[in-house]
Amino acid sequence: MPFPNDAKPRCAWCLADPIYVRYHDDEWGQPVHDDPKWFEMLILEGAQAGLSWLTILKRRAAYTKAYRGWNPAKVARFTDKDRARLLSDASGIIRNRLKVDASIANARAFLKAQDEFGSFDRYMWGFTDGKVLYPKKPPRTWRDLPTQSAESRAMSKDLRRRGFAFVGPVICYAHMQACGMVNDHFAGCYKYRGGSMKDE
């Protein structure tokens, strides 16, 4: 996959790989309002724990197939046979028993949250009062960014209470960054604070 042929200034973290660049340009920090997308990102963030995000992005197609196109109702009905299938899947997903078990439990908890709030989207955005959060000072490097926040800690605590796993405050903050609840694009990036954030 070639790098985009343009001269747009971007966050430095995405410049090592064209997959990262396209993810940065098309998704990262873009507000999500679609429940299947929330489910996908929740499962992928959990799979990423202890690994690089690029590792997960490169396996994304395999995850999409293995998790039935990110249909939480189908995943929630996975049986021991499905668990065995996922754990023997040589096509690309991370074959970690704890993460696989968590993904199925998370699908079931996801459906319960949907029922309670009307949508998972409404539940998620409740942690920021429906607003995109911006850092007080424009970040210039990863060192300028927090790894968690009051909102991600509140999210983690409530998700755990509801039966979700692999949802610590650091993972939840990464989830918020990825899904546009917080805009952590670096100062100078064309996506920073309204650069081309069409959904804000």
N, C-alpha and C. Protein backbone atom coordinates (compact mmCIF):
# COMPACT_ATOMS: atom_id res chain seq x y z
N MET A 1 0.85 -1.19 0.00
CA MET A 1 0.00 0.00 0.00
C MET A 1 0.89 1.25 0.00
N PRO A 2 0.78 2.11 -1.01
CA PRO A 2 1.63 3.30 -1.08
C PRO A 2 1.20 4.38 -0.11
N PHE A 3 2.14 5.25 0.23
CA PHE A 3 1.80 6.41 1.05
C PHE A 3 0.94 7.36 0.23
N PRO A 4 0.02 8.09 0.89
CA PRO A 4 -0.75 9.11 0.16
C PRO A 4 0.20 10.11 -0.48
N ASN A 5 -0.06 10.44 -1.73
CA ASN A 5 0.82 11.35 -2.47
C ASN A 5 0.36 12.78 -2.26
N ASP A 6 0.61 13.31 -1.07
CA ASP A 6 0.27 14.70 -0.78
C ASP A 6 1.27 15.24 0.24
N ALA A 7 1.12 16.50 0.55
CA ALA A 7 2.06 17.13 1.49
C ALA A 7 1.35 17.60 2.75
N LYS A 8 0.25 16.96 3.10
CA LYS A 8 -0.49 17.37 4.29
C LYS A 8 0.34 17.12 5.55
N PRO A 9 0.37 18.08 6.47
CA PRO A 9 1.06 17.85 7.75
C PRO A 9 0.23 16.93 8.62
N ARG A 10 0.88 15.92 9.19
CA ARG A 10 0.16 14.92 9.98
C ARG A 10 0.86 14.67 11.31
N CYS A 11 0.13 14.02 12.22
CA CYS A 11 0.73 13.59 13.49
C CYS A 11 1.90 12.66 13.17
N ALA A 12 3.01 12.87 13.87
CA ALA A 12 4.23 12.11 13.56
C ALA A 12 4.06 10.61 13.76
N TRP A 13 3.18 10.19 14.68
CA TRP A 13 3.08 8.77 14.99
C TRP A 13 2.60 7.92 13.81
N CYS A 14 1.92 8.54 12.85
CA CYS A 14 1.33 7.74 11.76
C CYS A 14 2.23 7.62 10.54
N LEU A 15 3.41 8.25 10.56
CA LEU A 15 4.19 8.38 9.34
C LEU A 15 5.07 7.18 9.01
N ALA A 16 5.07 6.17 9.86
CA ALA A 16 5.95 5.02 9.64
C ALA A 16 5.36 3.99 8.69
N ASP A 17 4.06 4.07 8.41
CA ASP A 17 3.43 3.03 7.61
C ASP A 17 2.21 3.60 6.90
N PRO A 18 1.99 3.28 5.63
CA PRO A 18 0.83 3.81 4.90
C PRO A 18 -0.51 3.38 5.50
N ILE A 19 -0.56 2.20 6.14
CA ILE A 19 -1.79 1.77 6.81
C ILE A 19 -2.13 2.74 7.94
N TYR A 20 -1.10 3.12 8.69
CA TYR A 20 -1.28 4.10 9.77
C TYR A 20 -1.75 5.44 9.22
N VAL A 21 -1.15 5.87 8.13
CA VAL A 21 -1.51 7.17 7.54
C VAL A 21 -2.98 7.19 7.16
N ARG A 22 -3.43 6.16 6.51
CA ARG A 22 -4.83 6.12 6.07
C ARG A 22 -5.78 6.01 7.26
N TYR A 23 -5.37 5.27 8.27
CA TYR A 23 -6.19 5.19 9.48
C TYR A 23 -6.27 6.56 10.15
N HIS A 24 -5.15 7.24 10.23
CA HIS A 24 -5.11 8.59 10.80
C HIS A 24 -6.01 9.53 10.01
N ASP A 25 -5.92 9.49 8.71
CA ASP A 25 -6.67 10.42 7.87
C ASP A 25 -8.17 10.14 7.86
N ASP A 26 -8.53 8.87 7.85
CA ASP A 26 -9.93 8.50 7.65
C ASP A 26 -10.71 8.21 8.91
N GLU A 27 -10.01 7.87 10.01
CA GLU A 27 -10.75 7.40 11.18
C GLU A 27 -10.34 8.02 12.51
N TRP A 28 -9.06 8.02 12.82
CA TRP A 28 -8.62 8.36 14.16
C TRP A 28 -9.05 9.77 14.55
N GLY A 29 -9.78 9.88 15.65
CA GLY A 29 -10.24 11.18 16.11
C GLY A 29 -11.51 11.66 15.43
N GLN A 30 -12.06 10.87 14.54
CA GLN A 30 -13.31 11.24 13.86
C GLN A 30 -14.48 10.73 14.71
N PRO A 31 -15.37 11.61 15.15
CA PRO A 31 -16.46 11.18 16.04
C PRO A 31 -17.29 10.03 15.48
N VAL A 32 -17.44 8.99 16.27
CA VAL A 32 -18.21 7.80 15.89
C VAL A 32 -19.63 7.93 16.43
N HIS A 33 -20.61 7.55 15.61
CA HIS A 33 -22.01 7.55 16.05
C HIS A 33 -22.75 6.32 15.52
N ASP A 34 -22.02 5.25 15.30
CA ASP A 34 -22.57 4.03 14.72
C ASP A 34 -22.26 2.86 15.64
N ASP A 35 -23.30 2.18 16.10
CA ASP A 35 -23.10 1.13 17.09
C ASP A 35 -22.19 -0.01 16.62
N PRO A 36 -22.33 -0.53 15.39
CA PRO A 36 -21.39 -1.57 14.96
C PRO A 36 -19.93 -1.08 14.99
N LYS A 37 -19.71 0.19 14.66
CA LYS A 37 -18.36 0.74 14.71
C LYS A 37 -17.86 0.81 16.15
N TRP A 38 -18.72 1.20 17.08
CA TRP A 38 -18.34 1.20 18.49
C TRP A 38 -17.92 -0.20 18.93
N PHE A 39 -18.70 -1.20 18.49
CA PHE A 39 -18.40 -2.58 18.88
C PHE A 39 -17.06 -3.02 18.30
N GLU A 40 -16.84 -2.70 17.03
CA GLU A 40 -15.56 -3.05 16.41
C GLU A 40 -14.39 -2.46 17.17
N MET A 41 -14.46 -1.17 17.46
CA MET A 41 -13.34 -0.51 18.12
C MET A 41 -13.14 -1.02 19.54
N LEU A 42 -14.22 -1.35 20.22
CA LEU A 42 -14.12 -1.90 21.57
C LEU A 42 -13.37 -3.23 21.57
N ILE A 43 -13.71 -4.10 20.61
CA ILE A 43 -13.06 -5.40 20.53
C ILE A 43 -11.60 -5.25 20.08
N LEU A 44 -11.36 -4.38 19.12
CA LEU A 44 -9.99 -4.20 18.63
C LEU A 44 -9.09 -3.57 19.68
N GLU A 45 -9.62 -2.62 20.45
CA GLU A 45 -8.82 -2.00 21.51
C GLU A 45 -8.43 -3.05 22.56
N GLY A 46 -9.37 -3.94 22.89
CA GLY A 46 -9.06 -5.00 23.83
C GLY A 46 -8.02 -5.96 23.28
N ALA A 47 -8.11 -6.26 21.98
CA ALA A 47 -7.14 -7.16 21.35
C ALA A 47 -5.76 -6.53 21.32
N GLN A 48 -5.71 -5.20 21.26
CA GLN A 48 -4.43 -4.48 21.16
C GLN A 48 -3.64 -4.48 22.45
N ALA A 49 -4.30 -4.73 23.58
CA ALA A 49 -3.62 -4.64 24.88
C ALA A 49 -2.29 -5.39 24.87
N GLY A 50 -1.20 -4.66 25.16
CA GLY A 50 0.12 -5.26 25.19
C GLY A 50 0.80 -5.35 23.83
N LEU A 51 0.12 -4.89 22.79
CA LEU A 51 0.65 -4.95 21.43
C LEU A 51 0.59 -3.56 20.80
N SER A 52 1.11 -3.43 19.60
CA SER A 52 1.01 -2.15 18.90
C SER A 52 -0.31 -2.09 18.14
N TRP A 53 -0.80 -0.87 17.97
CA TRP A 53 -2.06 -0.69 17.24
C TRP A 53 -1.88 -1.07 15.77
N LEU A 54 -0.69 -0.86 15.22
CA LEU A 54 -0.43 -1.23 13.84
C LEU A 54 -0.57 -2.74 13.65
N THR A 55 -0.16 -3.51 14.65
CA THR A 55 -0.32 -4.97 14.59
C THR A 55 -1.79 -5.33 14.40
N ILE A 56 -2.67 -4.64 15.12
CA ILE A 56 -4.11 -4.91 15.02
C ILE A 56 -4.67 -4.44 13.69
N LEU A 57 -4.26 -3.26 13.24
CA LEU A 57 -4.76 -2.74 11.96
C LEU A 57 -4.44 -3.69 10.82
N LYS A 58 -3.27 -4.30 10.87
CA LYS A 58 -2.87 -5.22 9.80
C LYS A 58 -3.69 -6.51 9.83
N ARG A 59 -4.34 -6.78 10.96
CA ARG A 59 -5.16 -7.99 11.10
C ARG A 59 -6.66 -7.67 11.06
N ARG A 60 -6.97 -6.46 10.74
CA ARG A 60 -8.36 -5.99 10.85
C ARG A 60 -9.32 -6.79 9.98
N ALA A 61 -8.93 -7.10 8.76
CA ALA A 61 -9.81 -7.86 7.87
C ALA A 61 -10.12 -9.23 8.46
N ALA A 62 -9.11 -9.85 9.05
CA ALA A 62 -9.32 -11.17 9.67
C ALA A 62 -10.27 -11.06 10.85
N TYR A 63 -10.14 -9.99 11.63
CA TYR A 63 -11.06 -9.76 12.75
C TYR A 63 -12.48 -9.54 12.27
N THR A 64 -12.63 -8.76 11.22
CA THR A 64 -13.97 -8.47 10.70
C THR A 64 -14.67 -9.76 10.27
N LYS A 65 -13.94 -10.64 9.63
CA LYS A 65 -14.51 -11.93 9.22
C LYS A 65 -14.80 -12.81 10.43
N ALA A 66 -13.86 -12.91 11.34
CA ALA A 66 -14.01 -13.78 12.50
C ALA A 66 -15.15 -13.33 13.40
N TYR A 67 -15.39 -12.00 13.46
CA TYR A 67 -16.42 -11.46 14.35
C TYR A 67 -17.68 -11.06 13.59
N ARG A 68 -17.93 -11.79 12.51
CA ARG A 68 -19.21 -11.71 11.79
C ARG A 68 -19.58 -10.28 11.38
N GLY A 69 -18.58 -9.58 10.84
CA GLY A 69 -18.85 -8.23 10.36
C GLY A 69 -19.22 -7.26 11.46
N TRP A 70 -18.76 -7.57 12.67
CA TRP A 70 -18.99 -6.72 13.86
C TRP A 70 -20.47 -6.63 14.23
N ASN A 71 -21.12 -7.77 14.16
CA ASN A 71 -22.51 -7.87 14.61
C ASN A 71 -22.51 -8.40 16.05
N PRO A 72 -22.76 -7.52 17.05
CA PRO A 72 -22.66 -7.97 18.44
C PRO A 72 -23.66 -9.06 18.80
N ALA A 73 -24.82 -9.06 18.17
CA ALA A 73 -25.82 -10.08 18.48
C ALA A 73 -25.32 -11.47 18.07
N LYS A 74 -24.63 -11.54 16.93
CA LYS A 74 -24.08 -12.83 16.49
C LYS A 74 -22.93 -13.27 17.39
N VAL A 75 -22.08 -12.32 17.76
CA VAL A 75 -20.93 -12.66 18.61
C VAL A 75 -21.40 -13.09 20.00
N ALA A 76 -22.46 -12.45 20.49
CA ALA A 76 -22.98 -12.78 21.81
C ALA A 76 -23.48 -14.23 21.87
N ARG A 77 -23.83 -14.78 20.72
CA ARG A 77 -24.32 -16.17 20.67
C ARG A 77 -23.21 -17.18 20.41
N PHE A 78 -21.98 -16.73 20.37
CA PHE A 78 -20.87 -17.66 20.14
C PHE A 78 -20.84 -18.74 21.23
N THR A 79 -20.57 -19.95 20.81
CA THR A 79 -20.52 -21.11 21.69
C THR A 79 -19.06 -21.53 21.92
N ASP A 80 -18.89 -22.62 22.67
CA ASP A 80 -17.55 -23.15 22.88
C ASP A 80 -16.90 -23.54 21.55
N LYS A 81 -17.73 -23.99 20.60
CA LYS A 81 -17.22 -24.34 19.28
C LYS A 81 -16.66 -23.09 18.58
N ASP A 82 -17.35 -21.97 18.74
CA ASP A 82 -16.87 -20.72 18.16
C ASP A 82 -15.57 -20.27 18.83
N ARG A 83 -15.52 -20.44 20.16
CA ARG A 83 -14.28 -20.11 20.87
C ARG A 83 -13.11 -20.90 20.31
N ALA A 84 -13.33 -22.19 20.12
CA ALA A 84 -12.28 -23.05 19.59
C ALA A 84 -11.88 -22.60 18.19
N ARG A 85 -12.86 -22.19 17.39
CA ARG A 85 -12.57 -21.69 16.04
C ARG A 85 -11.69 -20.46 16.10
N LEU A 86 -12.02 -19.53 16.99
CA LEU A 86 -11.23 -18.30 17.10
C LEU A 86 -9.81 -18.58 17.59
N LEU A 87 -9.69 -19.50 18.53
CA LEU A 87 -8.38 -19.81 19.10
C LEU A 87 -7.49 -20.61 18.15
N SER A 88 -8.11 -21.21 17.13
CA SER A 88 -7.33 -21.96 16.13
C SER A 88 -7.24 -21.21 14.81
N ASP A 89 -7.76 -19.97 14.80
CA ASP A 89 -7.80 -19.17 13.57
C ASP A 89 -6.38 -18.73 13.20
N ALA A 90 -5.86 -19.31 12.14
CA ALA A 90 -4.51 -18.95 11.70
C ALA A 90 -4.52 -17.81 10.68
N SER A 91 -5.71 -17.24 10.42
CA SER A 91 -5.82 -16.21 9.37
C SER A 91 -5.38 -14.83 9.83
N GLY A 92 -5.22 -14.65 11.16
CA GLY A 92 -4.69 -13.35 11.53
C GLY A 92 -5.08 -12.77 12.87
N ILE A 93 -6.12 -13.26 13.56
CA ILE A 93 -6.48 -12.62 14.82
C ILE A 93 -5.50 -13.05 15.91
N ILE A 94 -5.49 -12.28 17.00
CA ILE A 94 -4.63 -12.60 18.13
C ILE A 94 -5.26 -13.76 18.91
N ARG A 95 -4.59 -14.87 18.95
CA ARG A 95 -5.17 -16.08 19.55
C ARG A 95 -4.81 -16.16 21.04
N ASN A 96 -5.43 -15.28 21.78
CA ASN A 96 -5.22 -15.21 23.22
C ASN A 96 -6.54 -15.57 23.88
N ARG A 97 -6.53 -16.61 24.71
CA ARG A 97 -7.77 -17.12 25.28
C ARG A 97 -8.51 -16.06 26.11
N LEU A 98 -7.78 -15.29 26.91
CA LEU A 98 -8.42 -14.27 27.73
C LEU A 98 -9.09 -13.20 26.87
N LYS A 99 -8.42 -12.82 25.79
CA LYS A 99 -8.99 -11.79 24.91
C LYS A 99 -10.19 -12.32 24.13
N VAL A 100 -10.12 -13.56 23.71
CA VAL A 100 -11.25 -14.16 22.99
C VAL A 100 -12.45 -14.29 23.92
N ASP A 101 -12.23 -14.79 25.12
CA ASP A 101 -13.33 -14.91 26.09
C ASP A 101 -13.92 -13.54 26.40
N ALA A 102 -13.05 -12.54 26.55
CA ALA A 102 -13.52 -11.18 26.85
C ALA A 102 -14.36 -10.63 25.71
N SER A 103 -13.97 -10.91 24.47
CA SER A 103 -14.71 -10.37 23.34
C SER A 103 -16.15 -10.88 23.31
N ILE A 104 -16.34 -12.12 23.67
CA ILE A 104 -17.70 -12.69 23.69
C ILE A 104 -18.50 -12.13 24.85
N ALA A 105 -17.85 -12.04 26.02
CA ALA A 105 -18.53 -11.43 27.18
C ALA A 105 -18.86 -9.98 26.89
N ASN A 106 -17.97 -9.28 26.20
CA ASN A 106 -18.21 -7.88 25.88
C ASN A 106 -19.38 -7.70 24.91
N ALA A 107 -19.53 -8.64 23.99
CA ALA A 107 -20.67 -8.58 23.07
C ALA A 107 -21.99 -8.68 23.84
N ARG A 108 -22.03 -9.55 24.82
CA ARG A 108 -23.25 -9.71 25.62
C ARG A 108 -23.51 -8.47 26.47
N ALA A 109 -22.45 -7.91 27.05
CA ALA A 109 -22.61 -6.69 27.84
C ALA A 109 -22.99 -5.51 26.94
N PHE A 110 -22.46 -5.50 25.74
CA PHE A 110 -22.77 -4.46 24.75
C PHE A 110 -24.27 -4.43 24.46
N LEU A 111 -24.86 -5.59 24.24
CA LEU A 111 -26.29 -5.67 23.94
C LEU A 111 -27.14 -5.16 25.11
N LYS A 112 -26.71 -5.47 26.32
CA LYS A 112 -27.45 -5.00 27.50
C LYS A 112 -27.38 -3.48 27.61
N ALA A 113 -26.22 -2.90 27.32
CA ALA A 113 -26.09 -1.44 27.35
C ALA A 113 -26.95 -0.81 26.27
N GLN A 114 -26.98 -1.43 25.10
CA GLN A 114 -27.85 -0.93 24.02
C GLN A 114 -29.30 -0.89 24.47
N ASP A 115 -29.74 -1.96 25.09
CA ASP A 115 -31.13 -2.03 25.55
C ASP A 115 -31.43 -0.96 26.59
N GLU A 116 -30.48 -0.74 27.49
CA GLU A 116 -30.70 0.23 28.56
C GLU A 116 -30.72 1.67 28.06
N PHE A 117 -29.83 1.99 27.15
CA PHE A 117 -29.68 3.39 26.72
C PHE A 117 -30.31 3.69 25.36
N GLY A 118 -30.79 2.67 24.69
CA GLY A 118 -31.36 2.89 23.36
C GLY A 118 -30.34 2.71 22.26
N SER A 119 -29.09 2.99 22.56
CA SER A 119 -27.97 2.75 21.64
C SER A 119 -26.69 2.79 22.45
N PHE A 120 -25.67 2.10 21.97
CA PHE A 120 -24.37 2.16 22.64
C PHE A 120 -23.75 3.53 22.43
N ASP A 121 -24.07 4.13 21.32
CA ASP A 121 -23.58 5.48 21.02
C ASP A 121 -24.01 6.47 22.10
N ARG A 122 -25.27 6.41 22.48
CA ARG A 122 -25.77 7.32 23.52
C ARG A 122 -25.05 7.06 24.85
N TYR A 123 -24.81 5.81 25.14
CA TYR A 123 -24.10 5.45 26.37
C TYR A 123 -22.69 6.01 26.37
N MET A 124 -21.94 5.80 25.29
CA MET A 124 -20.56 6.26 25.22
C MET A 124 -20.46 7.78 25.34
N TRP A 125 -21.24 8.49 24.57
CA TRP A 125 -21.14 9.95 24.56
C TRP A 125 -21.60 10.58 25.87
N GLY A 126 -22.27 9.81 26.70
CA GLY A 126 -22.67 10.32 28.01
C GLY A 126 -21.47 10.63 28.89
N PHE A 127 -20.33 10.01 28.61
CA PHE A 127 -19.14 10.25 29.43
C PHE A 127 -18.48 11.61 29.14
N THR A 128 -18.85 12.22 28.02
CA THR A 128 -18.32 13.56 27.70
C THR A 128 -19.46 14.56 27.50
N ASP A 129 -20.65 14.22 27.98
CA ASP A 129 -21.82 15.09 27.80
C ASP A 129 -22.07 15.40 26.33
N GLY A 130 -21.76 14.44 25.48
CA GLY A 130 -22.04 14.58 24.06
C GLY A 130 -21.08 15.48 23.31
N LYS A 131 -19.96 15.86 23.95
CA LYS A 131 -19.03 16.80 23.33
C LYS A 131 -17.68 16.15 23.05
N VAL A 132 -17.03 16.65 22.00
CA VAL A 132 -15.65 16.27 21.73
C VAL A 132 -14.76 17.07 22.68
N LEU A 133 -13.83 16.39 23.35
CA LEU A 133 -12.93 17.06 24.29
C LEU A 133 -11.61 17.41 23.59
N TYR A 134 -11.07 18.57 23.95
CA TYR A 134 -9.79 19.02 23.39
C TYR A 134 -8.80 19.23 24.52
N PRO A 135 -7.52 18.95 24.28
CA PRO A 135 -6.51 19.23 25.31
C PRO A 135 -6.38 20.73 25.55
N LYS A 136 -6.05 21.11 26.77
CA LYS A 136 -5.90 22.53 27.09
C LYS A 136 -4.73 23.15 26.34
N LYS A 137 -3.69 22.34 26.11
CA LYS A 137 -2.51 22.82 25.39
C LYS A 137 -2.29 21.94 24.17
N PRO A 138 -2.10 22.52 22.99
CA PRO A 138 -1.91 21.71 21.79
C PRO A 138 -0.77 20.71 21.94
N PRO A 139 -1.02 19.41 21.77
CA PRO A 139 0.05 18.42 21.88
C PRO A 139 0.98 18.46 20.69
N ARG A 140 2.26 18.27 20.92
CA ARG A 140 3.25 18.27 19.84
C ARG A 140 3.93 16.91 19.69
N THR A 141 3.94 16.12 20.76
CA THR A 141 4.49 14.77 20.72
C THR A 141 3.63 13.90 21.63
N TRP A 142 3.88 12.57 21.60
CA TRP A 142 3.14 11.67 22.47
C TRP A 142 3.34 12.01 23.94
N ARG A 143 4.51 12.57 24.26
CA ARG A 143 4.79 12.91 25.65
C ARG A 143 3.86 13.98 26.18
N ASP A 144 3.24 14.73 25.28
CA ASP A 144 2.31 15.79 25.68
C ASP A 144 0.91 15.26 25.98
N LEU A 145 0.68 14.00 25.65
CA LEU A 145 -0.67 13.44 25.79
C LEU A 145 -0.79 12.60 27.06
N PRO A 146 -1.93 12.66 27.72
CA PRO A 146 -2.16 11.77 28.86
C PRO A 146 -2.42 10.35 28.37
N THR A 147 -2.26 9.39 29.23
CA THR A 147 -2.60 8.01 28.89
C THR A 147 -3.98 7.64 29.42
N GLN A 148 -4.51 8.49 30.28
CA GLN A 148 -5.87 8.31 30.80
C GLN A 148 -6.39 9.66 31.27
N SER A 149 -7.66 9.69 31.60
CA SER A 149 -8.29 10.94 32.03
C SER A 149 -9.40 10.62 33.02
N ALA A 150 -9.97 11.66 33.60
CA ALA A 150 -11.10 11.45 34.51
C ALA A 150 -12.23 10.75 33.78
N GLU A 151 -12.44 11.12 32.53
CA GLU A 151 -13.52 10.51 31.74
C GLU A 151 -13.23 9.05 31.44
N SER A 152 -11.98 8.74 31.10
CA SER A 152 -11.66 7.33 30.78
C SER A 152 -11.71 6.46 32.03
N ARG A 153 -11.37 7.05 33.17
CA ARG A 153 -11.48 6.29 34.42
C ARG A 153 -12.94 6.03 34.77
N ALA A 154 -13.79 7.02 34.56
CA ALA A 154 -15.22 6.82 34.81
C ALA A 154 -15.80 5.79 33.85
N MET A 155 -15.38 5.85 32.60
CA MET A 155 -15.84 4.89 31.60
C MET A 155 -15.39 3.48 31.98
N SER A 156 -14.13 3.34 32.33
CA SER A 156 -13.59 2.04 32.71
C SER A 156 -14.36 1.45 33.89
N LYS A 157 -14.58 2.25 34.90
CA LYS A 157 -15.27 1.78 36.09
C LYS A 157 -16.68 1.30 35.76
N ASP A 158 -17.38 2.05 34.92
CA ASP A 158 -18.76 1.69 34.60
C ASP A 158 -18.81 0.48 33.66
N LEU A 159 -17.90 0.42 32.70
CA LEU A 159 -17.86 -0.74 31.81
C LEU A 159 -17.58 -2.02 32.59
N ARG A 160 -16.65 -1.95 33.52
CA ARG A 160 -16.34 -3.12 34.33
C ARG A 160 -17.55 -3.54 35.17
N ARG A 161 -18.25 -2.55 35.70
CA ARG A 161 -19.44 -2.84 36.49
C ARG A 161 -20.49 -3.57 35.66
N ARG A 162 -20.50 -3.28 34.36
CA ARG A 162 -21.47 -3.90 33.46
C ARG A 162 -21.00 -5.22 32.89
N GLY A 163 -19.82 -5.68 33.28
CA GLY A 163 -19.34 -6.99 32.85
C GLY A 163 -18.36 -6.98 31.69
N PHE A 164 -17.91 -5.80 31.27
CA PHE A 164 -16.92 -5.73 30.20
C PHE A 164 -15.53 -6.06 30.74
N ALA A 165 -14.67 -6.57 29.88
CA ALA A 165 -13.29 -6.89 30.25
C ALA A 165 -12.33 -6.25 29.25
N PHE A 166 -11.06 -6.14 29.65
CA PHE A 166 -10.05 -5.45 28.85
C PHE A 166 -10.49 -4.01 28.57
N VAL A 167 -10.95 -3.35 29.62
CA VAL A 167 -11.43 -1.98 29.50
C VAL A 167 -10.86 -1.12 30.64
N GLY A 168 -9.56 -1.24 30.87
CA GLY A 168 -8.92 -0.39 31.87
C GLY A 168 -8.92 1.06 31.42
N PRO A 169 -8.60 2.00 32.29
CA PRO A 169 -8.65 3.43 31.95
C PRO A 169 -7.72 3.83 30.80
N VAL A 170 -6.58 3.13 30.65
CA VAL A 170 -5.68 3.45 29.53
C VAL A 170 -6.29 2.99 28.21
N ILE A 171 -6.84 1.78 28.20
CA ILE A 171 -7.52 1.28 27.00
C ILE A 171 -8.71 2.17 26.67
N CYS A 172 -9.45 2.58 27.69
CA CYS A 172 -10.61 3.44 27.46
C CYS A 172 -10.20 4.79 26.89
N TYR A 173 -9.05 5.32 27.33
CA TYR A 173 -8.61 6.60 26.78
C TYR A 173 -8.23 6.44 25.30
N ALA A 174 -7.55 5.34 24.97
CA ALA A 174 -7.22 5.07 23.57
C ALA A 174 -8.50 4.92 22.75
N HIS A 175 -9.51 4.30 23.34
CA HIS A 175 -10.82 4.13 22.71
C HIS A 175 -11.45 5.50 22.45
N MET A 176 -11.36 6.41 23.41
CA MET A 176 -11.89 7.75 23.24
C MET A 176 -11.15 8.51 22.14
N GLN A 177 -9.84 8.35 22.07
CA GLN A 177 -9.06 8.99 21.01
C GLN A 177 -9.48 8.45 19.64
N ALA A 178 -9.55 7.13 19.53
CA ALA A 178 -9.86 6.50 18.26
C ALA A 178 -11.24 6.87 17.76
N CYS A 179 -12.18 6.99 18.68
CA CYS A 179 -13.58 7.22 18.29
C CYS A 179 -13.99 8.69 18.35
N GLY A 180 -13.02 9.58 18.48
CA GLY A 180 -13.31 10.99 18.35
C GLY A 180 -13.95 11.65 19.54
N MET A 181 -13.94 11.00 20.69
CA MET A 181 -14.48 11.63 21.89
C MET A 181 -13.50 12.68 22.43
N VAL A 182 -12.23 12.48 22.08
CA VAL A 182 -11.19 13.46 22.41
C VAL A 182 -10.36 13.67 21.15
N ASN A 183 -10.04 14.92 20.83
CA ASN A 183 -9.24 15.21 19.64
C ASN A 183 -7.80 15.45 20.07
N ASP A 184 -6.97 14.44 19.91
CA ASP A 184 -5.57 14.52 20.32
C ASP A 184 -4.62 14.61 19.14
N HIS A 185 -5.10 15.11 18.01
CA HIS A 185 -4.19 15.35 16.89
C HIS A 185 -3.17 16.40 17.30
N PHE A 186 -1.95 16.21 16.84
CA PHE A 186 -0.87 17.12 17.22
C PHE A 186 -1.06 18.52 16.62
N ALA A 187 -0.54 19.51 17.30
CA ALA A 187 -0.53 20.87 16.77
C ALA A 187 0.21 20.85 15.43
N GLY A 188 -0.37 21.45 14.43
CA GLY A 188 0.24 21.44 13.11
C GLY A 188 -0.35 20.40 12.19
N CYS A 189 -0.96 19.34 12.75
CA CYS A 189 -1.62 18.33 11.94
C CYS A 189 -2.86 18.94 11.29
N TYR A 190 -3.11 18.58 10.05
CA TYR A 190 -4.25 19.17 9.36
C TYR A 190 -5.58 18.73 9.97
N LYS A 191 -5.56 17.73 10.83
CA LYS A 191 -6.77 17.27 11.50
C LYS A 191 -6.98 17.92 12.87
N TYR A 192 -6.01 18.70 13.33
CA TYR A 192 -6.12 19.25 14.68
C TYR A 192 -7.20 20.32 14.78
N ARG A 193 -8.01 20.19 15.79
CA ARG A 193 -9.03 21.18 16.17
C ARG A 193 -9.70 21.88 15.00
N GLY A 194 -10.51 21.10 14.31
CA GLY A 194 -11.33 21.69 13.26
C GLY A 194 -10.67 21.73 11.90
N GLY A 195 -9.42 21.21 11.78
CA GLY A 195 -8.76 21.27 10.48
C GLY A 195 -9.63 20.71 9.37
N SER A 196 -10.09 19.46 9.53
CA SER A 196 -11.06 18.90 8.58
C SER A 196 -11.99 17.94 9.31
N MET A 197 -12.25 18.24 10.57
CA MET A 197 -13.12 17.38 11.37
C MET A 197 -14.57 17.72 11.04
N LYS A 198 -15.10 17.10 10.01
CA LYS A 198 -16.40 17.48 9.46
C LYS A 198 -17.56 17.20 10.40
N ASP A 199 -17.38 16.28 11.34
CA ASP A 199 -18.50 15.90 12.20
C ASP A 199 -18.61 16.75 13.44
N GLU A 200 -17.75 17.72 13.63
CA GLU A 200 -17.80 18.52 14.85
C GLU A 200 -18.65 19.76 14.64
